[in-house]
Amino acid sequence: MGRADTGEAAVKPQKIPHRRLRVRTLVIIRWVALLGQSLALAVVYFLFGLDFAFIPAMVVIVLSGCFNVLVSVSRPSTAWLSERGAAFSLGFDICQLGLLLLLTGGLQNPFVILLLAPLAISAWILSSLTTIFLTLLAIGMVTLLAFFSFPLPWPSGGPELPTLYLAGIWVAMVISIIFMAAYVGLVSKETRRLSDALTATRSALAREQRLAALGGLAAAAAHQLGSPLGTVAVVARELERDLPEDSPHREDVQLLLAETGRCRDILASLAEMPAEDDGLAYRQIPLRAIIELAAEPHRDPDINLQITLPSGGMAENGDEPMIGRHPEIIHGLGTILQNAFQFAQKTVYVDLTWSPGEVSITIADDGPGFDGMMLSQIGEPYFSTAQHDGRRATADGHMGLGIFIARALLSHWGAEISFGNRDGGGGQARILWPRAHIEELNQELSHASRLTEPRS
């Protein structure tokens, strides 16, 4: 199988887009935060009777509320913030919360942990550059609070926290800020990559379904056009018979007859093409025919395709499995075969075995084989070993989605795919398929075929 190219050539590599933040969402979150801050200050000042800079703190909250009103009025609530607008808004929240903490105890205030909230939003939604900027801003704010802050409002005789403890809080906050930004950012990036890969999977399947439907569409068109074209031919023959030999219109009628015959030949060939290659999307064909059908678009005249059937024969293994020609199956097997052809030196080996309970398809090649260090990553979205060693797959503009899509499509029908290296050299992919899932697939396809049969 060669150093696996797990690319999907049909999809052009693009930078993964970041999500965007809606104005209404950010405004609502800020109102909730301001309400919570006001409630906390009121409880501490009025209920507990603790003395602190209550008026300046409330002024900060009121100014933040005015800013929120300004944002709500200046832009529609359904509008989306740009990257810069979202970064400015989250940076404002960090500064507002930092200023509030400065007036209420600094790092001694347990609500200092809330500085992580804007960073989590940025890491999940915005770009890495914006998140780094906000991370540095948050670290700067924590550092400022470590040196400058009003005292925490303790009851009379409250403890005074040692400097070493406050230094520990500063270290913990800095580590938490960096860890939160990095962890949420990585998870968000993987989520976006997986979402884009699934979108590419659906696009590939839709493309295969459209191609599979062309044969049936051609046959239906040939059937529908056959009758009116036959009528035209009959009328043309009648005209030819009634016209005298020296009529100036006789050549025109003969040309009409010739072109009518040509049209009928074209329609007849269209009607026969699905029958020649079993092109009906729901027709069941033998397992070997499925392999040959999936391999046909990717065949290399210099590479031999060697298909091996069970050595025990039909008596021991039973009849060869019949599988419906479904776009998911054709595309999934075709992608793995394409990978084998791409890195094979002379031969692609397909070993077919089956039993009453299971079908096994082993697709191998005599190429360089898989890198053992990367075997566990094969089939992951946006991973291609060809991108690491500069082989010819990279030049094709692959995204590293091919094997991922193939695995997703085949797994949908119960197949399991594993990758490894042959004893004699070269890579291989083994597909294990329970017969029960194949029978289920065939039943669903047969049912769909009956539903799509034209009414007589």
Protein backbone atom coordinates (compact mmCIF):
# COMPACT_ATOMS: atom_id res chain seq x y z
CA MET A 1 0.00 0.00 0.00
CA GLY A 2 3.01 2.26 0.10
CA ARG A 3 3.43 5.17 2.40
CA ALA A 4 -0.19 5.90 2.69
CA ASP A 5 -1.56 8.82 0.86
CA THR A 6 -4.66 9.49 2.85
CA GLY A 7 -5.60 12.42 0.65
CA GLU A 8 -8.82 13.28 -1.07
CA ALA A 9 -7.83 14.77 -4.42
CA ALA A 10 -11.29 16.16 -5.15
CA VAL A 11 -11.05 18.65 -2.31
CA LYS A 12 -8.58 21.52 -2.55
CA PRO A 13 -6.59 22.27 0.61
CA GLN A 14 -7.85 25.28 2.46
CA LYS A 15 -7.10 26.98 5.72
CA ILE A 16 -9.55 25.81 8.34
CA PRO A 17 -12.02 28.65 8.90
CA HIS A 18 -12.66 29.92 12.41
CA ARG A 19 -16.09 30.30 13.88
CA ARG A 20 -17.57 33.72 14.42
CA LEU A 21 -19.30 35.30 17.38
CA ARG A 22 -22.76 36.85 17.21
CA VAL A 23 -23.29 40.28 18.75
CA ARG A 24 -26.40 39.16 20.63
CA THR A 25 -24.57 36.26 22.27
CA LEU A 26 -21.77 38.45 23.55
CA VAL A 27 -24.18 41.13 24.79
CA ILE A 28 -26.27 38.59 26.72
CA ILE A 29 -23.19 37.02 28.31
CA ARG A 30 -21.93 40.46 29.37
CA TRP A 31 -25.31 41.42 30.90
CA VAL A 32 -25.31 38.19 32.91
CA ALA A 33 -21.75 38.89 34.09
CA LEU A 34 -22.57 42.48 35.09
CA LEU A 35 -25.65 41.33 36.96
CA GLY A 36 -23.62 38.75 38.87
CA GLN A 37 -20.92 41.30 39.68
CA SER A 38 -23.47 43.82 40.96
CA LEU A 39 -25.18 41.19 43.09
CA ALA A 40 -21.88 40.02 44.60
CA LEU A 41 -20.81 43.60 45.46
CA ALA A 42 -24.21 44.40 46.98
CA VAL A 43 -24.25 41.27 49.15
CA VAL A 44 -20.72 41.90 50.46
CA TYR A 45 -21.31 45.62 51.11
CA PHE A 46 -24.87 45.69 52.44
CA LEU A 47 -25.50 42.21 53.82
CA PHE A 48 -22.07 41.45 55.29
CA GLY A 49 -21.26 45.10 56.03
CA LEU A 50 -17.68 44.84 54.77
CA ASP A 51 -15.90 48.06 53.85
CA PHE A 52 -14.32 48.31 50.38
CA ALA A 53 -14.35 50.64 47.36
CA PHE A 54 -18.01 49.99 46.63
CA ILE A 55 -18.75 53.22 44.74
CA PRO A 56 -15.75 53.01 42.35
CA ALA A 57 -16.54 49.34 41.72
CA MET A 58 -20.15 50.15 40.85
CA VAL A 59 -18.95 52.94 38.54
CA VAL A 60 -16.88 50.35 36.64
CA ILE A 61 -19.95 48.12 36.30
CA VAL A 62 -22.15 51.04 35.15
CA LEU A 63 -19.59 52.06 32.53
CA SER A 64 -19.46 48.48 31.32
CA GLY A 65 -23.25 48.48 31.08
CA CYS A 66 -23.12 51.67 29.00
CA PHE A 67 -20.60 50.03 26.70
CA ASN A 68 -22.91 47.05 26.33
CA VAL A 69 -25.82 49.32 25.47
CA LEU A 70 -23.65 51.10 22.90
CA VAL A 71 -22.74 47.79 21.29
CA SER A 72 -26.40 46.72 21.20
CA VAL A 73 -27.53 49.98 19.60
CA SER A 74 -24.69 50.39 17.11
CA ARG A 75 -25.05 46.96 15.50
CA PRO A 76 -27.99 44.59 14.88
CA SER A 77 -28.22 41.84 17.44
CA THR A 78 -28.11 39.21 14.69
CA ALA A 79 -24.89 40.59 13.19
CA TRP A 80 -21.63 38.66 13.38
CA LEU A 81 -18.54 40.22 14.90
CA SER A 82 -15.36 40.35 12.88
CA GLU A 83 -12.18 38.81 14.27
CA ARG A 84 -10.95 42.24 15.35
CA GLY A 85 -14.32 43.22 16.85
CA ALA A 86 -14.56 40.01 18.86
CA ALA A 87 -10.97 40.39 20.07
CA PHE A 88 -11.64 43.98 21.19
CA SER A 89 -14.83 42.95 22.98
CA LEU A 90 -13.19 40.07 24.86
CA GLY A 91 -10.17 42.25 25.66
CA PHE A 92 -12.54 44.84 27.13
CA ASP A 93 -14.09 42.14 29.35
CA ILE A 94 -10.65 41.10 30.61
CA CYS A 95 -9.71 44.70 31.42
CA GLN A 96 -13.10 45.40 33.05
CA LEU A 97 -12.88 42.34 35.26
CA GLY A 98 -9.24 43.08 36.09
CA LEU A 99 -10.10 46.65 37.14
CA LEU A 100 -12.97 45.34 39.28
CA LEU A 101 -10.63 42.83 40.94
CA LEU A 102 -8.08 45.58 41.54
CA LEU A 103 -10.71 47.45 43.59
CA THR A 104 -11.76 44.33 45.52
CA GLY A 105 -8.64 42.53 46.71
CA GLY A 106 -6.68 41.61 43.60
CA LEU A 107 -5.36 38.04 43.59
CA GLN A 108 -6.85 37.49 47.04
CA ASN A 109 -10.34 37.74 45.53
CA PRO A 110 -11.56 34.19 44.71
CA PHE A 111 -13.40 35.52 41.64
CA VAL A 112 -10.04 36.07 39.93
CA ILE A 113 -10.66 32.70 38.29
CA LEU A 114 -13.26 34.39 36.04
CA LEU A 115 -10.42 35.85 33.97
CA LEU A 116 -10.29 32.45 32.27
CA ALA A 117 -13.78 32.82 30.75
CA PRO A 118 -12.93 35.27 27.92
CA LEU A 119 -9.86 33.18 27.07
CA ALA A 120 -11.95 30.02 26.75
CA ILE A 121 -14.30 31.80 24.34
CA SER A 122 -11.41 33.14 22.29
CA ALA A 123 -9.60 29.79 22.13
CA TRP A 124 -12.77 28.04 20.97
CA ILE A 125 -13.91 30.59 18.40
CA LEU A 126 -11.14 32.96 17.34
CA SER A 127 -7.76 32.47 15.68
CA SER A 128 -4.59 31.41 17.44
CA LEU A 129 -3.03 34.85 17.00
CA THR A 130 -5.99 36.56 18.69
CA THR A 131 -5.96 34.02 21.51
CA ILE A 132 -2.24 34.60 22.08
CA PHE A 133 -2.87 38.34 22.30
CA LEU A 134 -5.67 37.89 24.84
CA THR A 135 -3.55 35.40 26.78
CA LEU A 136 -0.76 37.93 27.11
CA LEU A 137 -3.30 40.57 28.13
CA ALA A 138 -4.71 38.28 30.84
CA ILE A 139 -1.20 37.44 32.13
CA GLY A 140 -0.39 41.14 32.21
CA MET A 141 -3.58 41.83 34.16
CA VAL A 142 -2.80 39.08 36.68
CA THR A 143 0.73 40.44 37.10
CA LEU A 144 -0.68 43.94 37.70
CA LEU A 145 -3.04 42.55 40.35
CA ALA A 146 -0.11 40.84 42.07
CA PHE A 147 1.56 44.22 42.74
CA PHE A 148 -1.28 46.76 42.83
CA SER A 149 -4.71 46.22 44.37
CA PHE A 150 -6.96 47.48 47.13
CA PRO A 151 -7.09 45.21 50.18
CA LEU A 152 -9.65 42.45 50.33
CA PRO A 153 -12.56 43.44 52.61
CA TRP A 154 -12.07 41.10 55.58
CA PRO A 155 -14.07 41.26 58.78
CA SER A 156 -12.28 42.91 61.69
CA GLY A 157 -9.17 40.96 62.56
CA GLY A 158 -9.09 39.08 59.26
CA PRO A 159 -5.89 37.27 58.24
CA GLU A 160 -3.21 38.85 56.09
CA LEU A 161 -2.09 36.44 53.38
CA PRO A 162 1.69 35.97 53.12
CA THR A 163 3.56 37.13 50.04
CA LEU A 164 4.63 33.56 49.20
CA TYR A 165 1.00 32.47 49.04
CA LEU A 166 0.10 35.38 46.74
CA ALA A 167 3.06 34.46 44.54
CA GLY A 168 1.68 30.93 44.38
CA ILE A 169 -1.69 32.28 43.30
CA TRP A 170 0.02 34.31 40.57
CA VAL A 171 1.89 31.25 39.29
CA ALA A 172 -1.27 29.15 39.37
CA MET A 173 -3.23 31.78 37.46
CA VAL A 174 -0.54 32.18 34.78
CA ILE A 175 -0.32 28.41 34.30
CA SER A 176 -4.12 28.14 34.21
CA ILE A 177 -4.38 30.92 31.62
CA ILE A 178 -1.80 29.30 29.32
CA PHE A 179 -3.22 25.80 29.83
CA MET A 180 -6.81 26.92 29.23
CA ALA A 181 -5.92 28.76 26.02
CA ALA A 182 -3.82 25.91 24.65
CA TYR A 183 -6.14 23.06 25.67
CA VAL A 184 -9.38 24.64 24.45
CA GLY A 185 -7.65 25.84 21.28
CA LEU A 186 -6.40 22.34 20.41
CA VAL A 187 -9.79 20.75 21.10
CA SER A 188 -11.52 23.41 19.02
CA LYS A 189 -9.07 22.93 16.13
CA GLU A 190 -9.63 19.17 16.11
CA THR A 191 -13.39 19.68 16.22
CA ARG A 192 -13.27 22.00 13.23
CA ARG A 193 -11.03 19.61 11.33
CA LEU A 194 -13.38 16.73 11.99
CA SER A 195 -16.39 18.81 10.98
CA ASP A 196 -14.71 19.81 7.70
CA ALA A 197 -13.72 16.21 7.07
CA LEU A 198 -17.29 15.00 7.57
CA THR A 199 -18.46 17.71 5.17
CA ALA A 200 -15.99 16.40 2.61
CA THR A 201 -17.31 12.88 3.25
CA ARG A 202 -20.86 13.95 2.51
CA SER A 203 -19.69 15.78 -0.64
CA ALA A 204 -17.84 12.70 -1.88
CA LEU A 205 -20.85 10.48 -1.25
CA ALA A 206 -23.18 12.90 -3.00
CA ARG A 207 -20.82 12.96 -5.99
CA GLU A 208 -20.79 9.15 -6.16
CA GLN A 209 -24.57 9.02 -5.93
CA ARG A 210 -24.90 11.47 -8.80
CA LEU A 211 -22.54 9.41 -10.93
CA ALA A 212 -24.40 6.21 -10.10
CA ALA A 213 -27.70 7.82 -11.07
CA LEU A 214 -26.46 8.80 -14.55
CA GLY A 215 -26.82 5.27 -15.91
CA GLY A 216 -30.44 4.98 -14.83
CA LEU A 217 -31.17 8.48 -16.11
CA ALA A 218 -29.72 7.64 -19.53
CA ALA A 219 -31.80 4.46 -19.73
CA ALA A 220 -34.96 6.33 -18.76
CA ALA A 221 -34.29 9.02 -21.35
CA ALA A 222 -33.71 6.41 -24.05
CA HIS A 223 -36.94 4.69 -23.14
CA GLN A 224 -38.98 7.89 -23.13
CA LEU A 225 -37.55 9.24 -26.40
CA GLY A 226 -37.80 5.96 -28.28
CA SER A 227 -41.53 6.16 -29.00
CA PRO A 228 -41.71 9.72 -30.45
CA LEU A 229 -38.54 9.08 -32.46
CA GLY A 230 -40.12 5.93 -33.91
CA THR A 231 -43.17 7.95 -34.91
CA VAL A 232 -40.96 10.47 -36.70
CA ALA A 233 -39.24 7.63 -38.58
CA VAL A 234 -42.59 6.12 -39.69
CA VAL A 235 -43.85 9.48 -40.99
CA ALA A 236 -40.56 10.07 -42.81
CA ARG A 237 -40.81 6.68 -44.55
CA GLU A 238 -44.38 7.45 -45.63
CA LEU A 239 -43.27 10.76 -47.08
CA GLU A 240 -40.38 9.10 -48.92
CA ARG A 241 -42.69 6.51 -50.43
CA ASP A 242 -45.26 9.07 -51.61
CA LEU A 243 -42.80 11.58 -53.07
CA PRO A 244 -41.97 11.19 -56.78
CA GLU A 245 -38.41 10.29 -57.75
CA ASP A 246 -37.70 13.74 -59.16
CA SER A 247 -39.12 15.66 -56.15
CA PRO A 248 -36.75 18.36 -54.78
CA HIS A 249 -37.80 17.34 -51.21
CA ARG A 250 -36.79 13.70 -51.57
CA GLU A 251 -33.18 14.29 -50.46
CA ASP A 252 -34.40 16.18 -47.39
CA VAL A 253 -36.65 13.29 -46.39
CA GLN A 254 -33.83 10.78 -46.87
CA LEU A 255 -31.55 12.95 -44.70
CA LEU A 256 -34.29 13.05 -42.03
CA LEU A 257 -34.52 9.24 -42.13
CA ALA A 258 -30.74 8.88 -41.81
CA GLU A 259 -30.52 11.26 -38.85
CA THR A 260 -33.50 9.56 -37.21
CA GLY A 261 -31.74 6.22 -37.49
CA ARG A 262 -28.62 7.74 -36.03
CA CYS A 263 -30.57 9.09 -33.05
CA ARG A 264 -32.14 5.69 -32.45
CA ASP A 265 -28.68 4.08 -32.47
CA ILE A 266 -27.46 6.58 -29.88
CA LEU A 267 -30.47 5.95 -27.64
CA ALA A 268 -30.02 2.20 -28.02
CA SER A 269 -26.38 2.47 -26.89
CA LEU A 270 -27.43 4.56 -23.89
CA ALA A 271 -30.00 1.97 -22.93
CA GLU A 272 -27.46 -0.85 -23.26
CA MET A 273 -24.63 0.80 -21.29
CA PRO A 274 -26.11 0.15 -17.83
CA ALA A 275 -26.72 -3.47 -18.73
CA GLU A 276 -23.13 -3.91 -19.96
CA ASP A 277 -21.48 -2.74 -16.73
CA ASP A 278 -24.26 -3.58 -14.28
CA GLY A 279 -24.66 0.13 -13.70
CA LEU A 280 -27.94 0.00 -11.84
CA ALA A 281 -27.23 1.53 -8.47
CA TYR A 282 -29.05 -1.21 -6.56
CA ARG A 283 -28.03 -4.32 -8.51
CA GLN A 284 -26.22 -7.05 -6.56
CA ILE A 285 -23.00 -8.33 -8.08
CA PRO A 286 -20.29 -10.75 -6.88
CA LEU A 287 -17.60 -9.55 -4.51
CA ARG A 288 -14.86 -9.86 -7.14
CA ALA A 289 -16.88 -7.73 -9.57
CA ILE A 290 -17.25 -5.06 -6.89
CA ILE A 291 -13.45 -4.97 -6.48
CA GLU A 292 -12.88 -4.71 -10.24
CA LEU A 293 -15.54 -2.01 -10.52
CA ALA A 294 -14.01 0.03 -7.69
CA ALA A 295 -10.50 -0.37 -9.10
CA GLU A 296 -11.35 0.52 -12.71
CA PRO A 297 -11.09 4.36 -12.42
CA HIS A 298 -7.70 4.06 -10.72
CA ARG A 299 -6.04 1.34 -12.84
CA ASP A 300 -2.48 1.93 -13.94
CA PRO A 301 -1.46 0.11 -17.14
CA ASP A 302 1.97 -0.54 -15.61
CA ILE A 303 0.53 -2.05 -12.42
CA ASN A 304 -0.99 -5.51 -12.34
CA LEU A 305 -4.14 -6.18 -10.30
CA GLN A 306 -4.06 -9.69 -8.86
CA ILE A 307 -7.29 -10.90 -7.23
CA THR A 308 -7.09 -14.13 -5.23
CA LEU A 309 -10.19 -16.14 -4.29
CA PRO A 310 -10.44 -18.61 -1.37
CA SER A 311 -8.27 -21.69 -1.84
CA GLY A 312 -10.86 -24.01 -0.29
CA GLY A 313 -13.34 -23.52 -3.12
CA MET A 314 -17.10 -23.15 -2.96
CA ALA A 315 -17.65 -26.40 -1.09
CA GLU A 316 -15.72 -25.20 1.95
CA ASN A 317 -16.39 -21.46 1.89
CA GLY A 318 -19.85 -21.30 0.36
CA ASP A 319 -21.02 -19.17 -2.53
CA GLU A 320 -19.25 -15.93 -3.32
CA PRO A 321 -20.93 -13.04 -1.50
CA MET A 322 -23.19 -10.79 -3.55
CA ILE A 323 -22.99 -7.09 -2.73
CA GLY A 324 -25.19 -4.29 -3.97
CA ARG A 325 -23.45 -1.73 -6.13
CA HIS A 326 -23.82 1.20 -3.80
CA PRO A 327 -21.91 4.51 -4.14
CA GLU A 328 -20.66 4.30 -0.54
CA ILE A 329 -19.12 0.87 -1.11
CA ILE A 330 -17.63 1.73 -4.51
CA HIS A 331 -16.08 4.97 -3.28
CA GLY A 332 -14.69 3.47 -0.06
CA LEU A 333 -13.07 0.46 -1.74
CA GLY A 334 -11.94 2.61 -4.67
CA THR A 335 -10.07 5.02 -2.39
CA ILE A 336 -8.11 2.20 -0.72
CA LEU A 337 -7.35 0.64 -4.12
CA GLN A 338 -6.26 4.02 -5.45
CA ASN A 339 -3.81 4.32 -2.59
CA ALA A 340 -2.44 0.86 -3.38
CA PHE A 341 -2.02 1.64 -7.10
CA GLN A 342 -0.31 4.91 -6.27
CA PHE A 343 2.53 3.33 -4.33
CA ALA A 344 2.76 -0.14 -5.87
CA GLN A 345 5.89 -1.02 -7.84
CA LYS A 346 4.46 -3.77 -10.06
CA THR A 347 1.43 -5.45 -8.45
CA VAL A 348 -1.59 -4.70 -6.31
CA TYR A 349 -2.79 -7.79 -4.44
CA VAL A 350 -6.43 -8.28 -3.45
CA ASP A 351 -7.06 -11.36 -1.33
CA LEU A 352 -10.75 -12.29 -0.94
CA THR A 353 -11.89 -14.78 1.66
CA TRP A 354 -15.28 -15.46 3.13
CA SER A 355 -17.12 -17.73 5.49
CA PRO A 356 -20.76 -18.05 6.56
CA GLY A 357 -20.17 -15.34 9.16
CA GLU A 358 -17.59 -12.96 7.71
CA VAL A 359 -16.05 -11.54 4.55
CA SER A 360 -12.40 -10.46 4.47
CA ILE A 361 -10.85 -8.18 1.84
CA THR A 362 -7.09 -7.62 2.02
CA ILE A 363 -5.71 -4.97 -0.34
CA ALA A 364 -1.90 -4.87 -0.48
CA ASP A 365 0.91 -3.62 -2.70
CA ASP A 366 4.61 -4.26 -3.26
CA GLY A 367 5.60 -0.67 -2.51
CA PRO A 368 7.65 0.78 0.36
CA GLY A 369 5.04 0.04 3.02
CA PHE A 370 3.78 2.12 5.92
CA ASP A 371 5.99 3.92 8.38
CA GLY A 372 5.55 2.01 11.64
CA MET A 373 5.62 5.25 13.63
CA MET A 374 2.57 6.55 11.73
CA LEU A 375 0.40 3.44 11.50
CA SER A 376 -1.79 4.55 14.39
CA GLN A 377 -2.55 7.86 12.65
CA ILE A 378 -3.65 6.44 9.30
CA GLY A 379 -7.32 7.16 8.79
CA GLU A 380 -7.29 10.33 10.86
CA PRO A 381 -8.66 13.41 9.07
CA TYR A 382 -6.09 15.66 7.38
CA PHE A 383 -3.25 13.18 7.89
CA SER A 384 -1.14 12.01 4.97
CA THR A 385 2.27 10.41 5.27
CA ALA A 386 2.94 11.57 1.73
CA GLN A 387 3.03 15.10 3.12
CA HIS A 388 5.87 14.08 5.42
CA ASP A 389 8.16 12.35 2.95
CA GLY A 390 7.46 14.48 -0.13
CA ARG A 391 6.21 11.65 -2.34
CA ARG A 392 4.15 12.23 -5.44
CA ALA A 393 0.81 12.38 -3.60
CA THR A 394 1.73 15.76 -2.19
CA ALA A 395 1.91 17.24 -5.65
CA ASP A 396 -1.69 16.27 -6.26
CA GLY A 397 -2.93 18.73 -3.64
CA HIS A 398 -4.40 16.16 -1.27
CA MET A 399 -5.87 17.13 2.08
CA GLY A 400 -5.42 13.80 3.88
CA LEU A 401 -9.13 12.90 3.78
CA GLY A 402 -9.25 9.92 1.42
CA ILE A 403 -8.72 7.08 3.90
CA PHE A 404 -10.78 8.91 6.51
CA ILE A 405 -13.70 9.14 4.08
CA ALA A 406 -13.26 5.50 3.00
CA ARG A 407 -13.27 4.32 6.59
CA ALA A 408 -16.35 6.41 7.41
CA LEU A 409 -18.29 5.13 4.38
CA LEU A 410 -17.42 1.46 4.90
CA SER A 411 -17.90 1.63 8.67
CA HIS A 412 -21.42 2.91 8.04
CA TRP A 413 -22.22 -0.62 6.80
CA GLY A 414 -20.39 -2.46 9.58
CA ALA A 415 -16.96 -2.94 7.97
CA GLU A 416 -13.78 -2.64 10.05
CA ILE A 417 -10.51 -1.44 8.47
CA SER A 418 -7.01 -2.04 9.81
CA PHE A 419 -3.65 -1.14 8.30
CA GLY A 420 -0.28 -2.84 8.44
CA ASN A 421 2.66 -4.09 6.38
CA ARG A 422 3.04 -7.31 4.39
CA ASP A 423 5.62 -9.87 5.39
CA GLY A 424 7.21 -9.63 1.95
CA GLY A 425 7.25 -5.83 1.93
CA GLY A 426 4.63 -3.27 1.10
CA GLY A 427 1.59 -2.02 2.95
CA GLN A 428 -1.83 -3.56 3.27
CA ALA A 429 -5.33 -2.70 4.39
CA ARG A 430 -7.63 -5.40 5.72
CA ILE A 431 -11.40 -4.98 5.64
CA LEU A 432 -13.47 -7.33 7.80
CA TRP A 433 -17.14 -7.38 6.97
CA PRO A 434 -19.75 -9.41 8.90
CA ARG A 435 -22.08 -11.25 6.52
CA ALA A 436 -25.05 -10.04 8.57
CA HIS A 437 -24.25 -6.43 7.67
CA ILE A 438 -23.84 -7.34 4.00
CA GLU A 439 -27.25 -9.02 3.99
CA GLU A 440 -28.72 -5.96 5.68
CA LEU A 441 -27.14 -3.75 3.01
CA ASN A 442 -28.52 -5.93 0.22
CA GLN A 443 -32.02 -5.90 1.72
CA GLU A 444 -32.05 -2.11 1.98
CA LEU A 445 -30.77 -1.72 -1.56
CA SER A 446 -33.32 -4.19 -2.91
CA HIS A 447 -36.09 -2.31 -1.14
CA ALA A 448 -34.86 0.99 -2.57
CA SER A 449 -34.67 -0.60 -6.03
CA ARG A 450 -38.29 -1.69 -5.83
CA LEU A 451 -39.35 1.79 -4.79
CA THR A 452 -37.56 3.36 -7.77
CA GLU A 453 -38.81 0.92 -10.42
CA PRO A 454 -40.96 2.69 -13.04
CA ARG A 455 -44.63 1.90 -13.00
CA SER A 456 -45.87 0.04 -16.09
